[in-house]
Amino acid sequence: MAVSTWAREPVRAAGRSTAYRDLWTWLIIAAHIQLRLARPLAEDLRRPWKRPTDRVP
């Protein structure tokens, strides 16, 4: 039985330079950081039909 290496190796953009891959890596990291920083801002957002939370900021 052959073991696939696809799940163990990082995805590589074929024919792309290292700088291009680094750019995309940092773009993904920056997007993830922005989402993590915005998480507390969206904590109390709810649908109009749901009750408000009792938590006081």
C-alpha atoms as a PDB file:
ATOM      1  CA  MET A   1       0.000   0.000   0.000  1.00  0.00           C
ATOM      2  CA  ALA A   2       1.465   3.327  -1.038  1.00  0.00           C
ATOM      3  CA  VAL A   3       1.385   6.160   1.452  1.00  0.00           C
ATOM      4  CA  SER A   4       0.382   9.518   0.079  1.00  0.00           C
ATOM      5  CA  THR A   5       2.758  12.353   0.901  1.00  0.00           C
ATOM      6  CA  TRP A   6       0.189  14.995  -0.023  1.00  0.00           C
ATOM      7  CA  ALA A   7      -1.045  15.445   3.543  1.00  0.00           C
ATOM      8  CA  ARG A   8       2.457  15.620   5.003  1.00  0.00           C
ATOM      9  CA  GLU A   9       4.021  18.187   2.671  1.00  0.00           C
ATOM     10  CA  PRO A  10       3.110  21.850   2.369  1.00  0.00           C
ATOM     11  CA  VAL A  11       1.350  22.878  -0.793  1.00  0.00           C
ATOM     12  CA  ARG A  12       3.795  24.318  -3.286  1.00  0.00           C
ATOM     13  CA  ALA A  13       2.886  26.685  -6.086  1.00  0.00           C
ATOM     14  CA  ALA A  14       4.403  25.167  -9.197  1.00  0.00           C
ATOM     15  CA  GLY A  15       6.695  27.511 -11.053  1.00  0.00           C
ATOM     16  CA  ARG A  16       6.394  30.325  -8.537  1.00  0.00           C
ATOM     17  CA  SER A  17       9.292  32.090  -6.923  1.00  0.00           C
ATOM     18  CA  THR A  18      10.061  31.853  -3.238  1.00  0.00           C
ATOM     19  CA  ALA A  19       9.257  35.545  -2.821  1.00  0.00           C
ATOM     20  CA  TYR A  20       5.802  34.987  -4.312  1.00  0.00           C
ATOM     21  CA  ARG A  21       5.103  32.113  -1.915  1.00  0.00           C
ATOM     22  CA  ASP A  22       6.348  34.215   1.006  1.00  0.00           C
ATOM     23  CA  LEU A  23       4.026  37.030  -0.026  1.00  0.00           C
ATOM     24  CA  TRP A  24       1.008  34.722   0.009  1.00  0.00           C
ATOM     25  CA  THR A  25       2.085  33.193   3.306  1.00  0.00           C
ATOM     26  CA  TRP A  26       2.267  36.616   4.960  1.00  0.00           C
ATOM     27  CA  LEU A  27      -1.046  37.599   3.385  1.00  0.00           C
ATOM     28  CA  ILE A  28      -2.735  34.575   4.969  1.00  0.00           C
ATOM     29  CA  ILE A  29      -1.048  35.272   8.314  1.00  0.00           C
ATOM     30  CA  ALA A  30      -2.170  38.930   8.227  1.00  0.00           C
ATOM     31  CA  ALA A  31      -5.759  37.920   7.400  1.00  0.00           C
ATOM     32  CA  HIS A  32      -5.784  35.414  10.261  1.00  0.00           C
ATOM     33  CA  ILE A  33      -4.480  38.032  12.695  1.00  0.00           C
ATOM     34  CA  GLN A  34      -7.142  40.513  11.596  1.00  0.00           C
ATOM     35  CA  LEU A  35      -9.873  37.941  12.150  1.00  0.00           C
ATOM     36  CA  ARG A  36      -8.517  37.063  15.588  1.00  0.00           C
ATOM     37  CA  LEU A  37      -8.354  40.739  16.580  1.00  0.00           C
ATOM     38  CA  ALA A  38     -11.915  41.342  15.365  1.00  0.00           C
ATOM     39  CA  ARG A  39     -13.364  38.395  17.277  1.00  0.00           C
ATOM     40  CA  PRO A  40     -14.126  40.376  20.480  1.00  0.00           C
ATOM     41  CA  LEU A  41     -15.859  43.080  18.422  1.00  0.00           C
ATOM     42  CA  ALA A  42     -18.325  40.563  17.036  1.00  0.00           C
ATOM     43  CA  GLU A  43     -18.877  38.746  20.318  1.00  0.00           C
ATOM     44  CA  ASP A  44     -22.166  40.440  21.176  1.00  0.00           C
ATOM     45  CA  LEU A  45     -23.558  40.574  17.653  1.00  0.00           C
ATOM     46  CA  ARG A  46     -26.751  38.613  17.465  1.00  0.00           C
ATOM     47  CA  ARG A  47     -29.838  38.234  15.354  1.00  0.00           C
ATOM     48  CA  PRO A  48     -32.730  40.594  16.091  1.00  0.00           C
ATOM     49  CA  TRP A  49     -34.892  37.721  17.320  1.00  0.00           C
ATOM     50  CA  LYS A  50     -32.347  36.525  19.882  1.00  0.00           C
ATOM     51  CA  ARG A  51     -32.186  37.782  23.446  1.00  0.00           C
ATOM     52  CA  PRO A  52     -29.382  40.126  24.484  1.00  0.00           C
ATOM     53  CA  THR A  53     -26.605  38.681  26.570  1.00  0.00           C
ATOM     54  CA  ASP A  54     -26.349  39.605  30.254  1.00  0.00           C
ATOM     55  CA  ARG A  55     -22.654  40.349  29.917  1.00  0.00           C
ATOM     56  CA  VAL A  56     -21.633  43.953  30.576  1.00  0.00           C
ATOM     57  CA  PRO A  57     -18.499  45.094  28.732  1.00  0.00           C
END
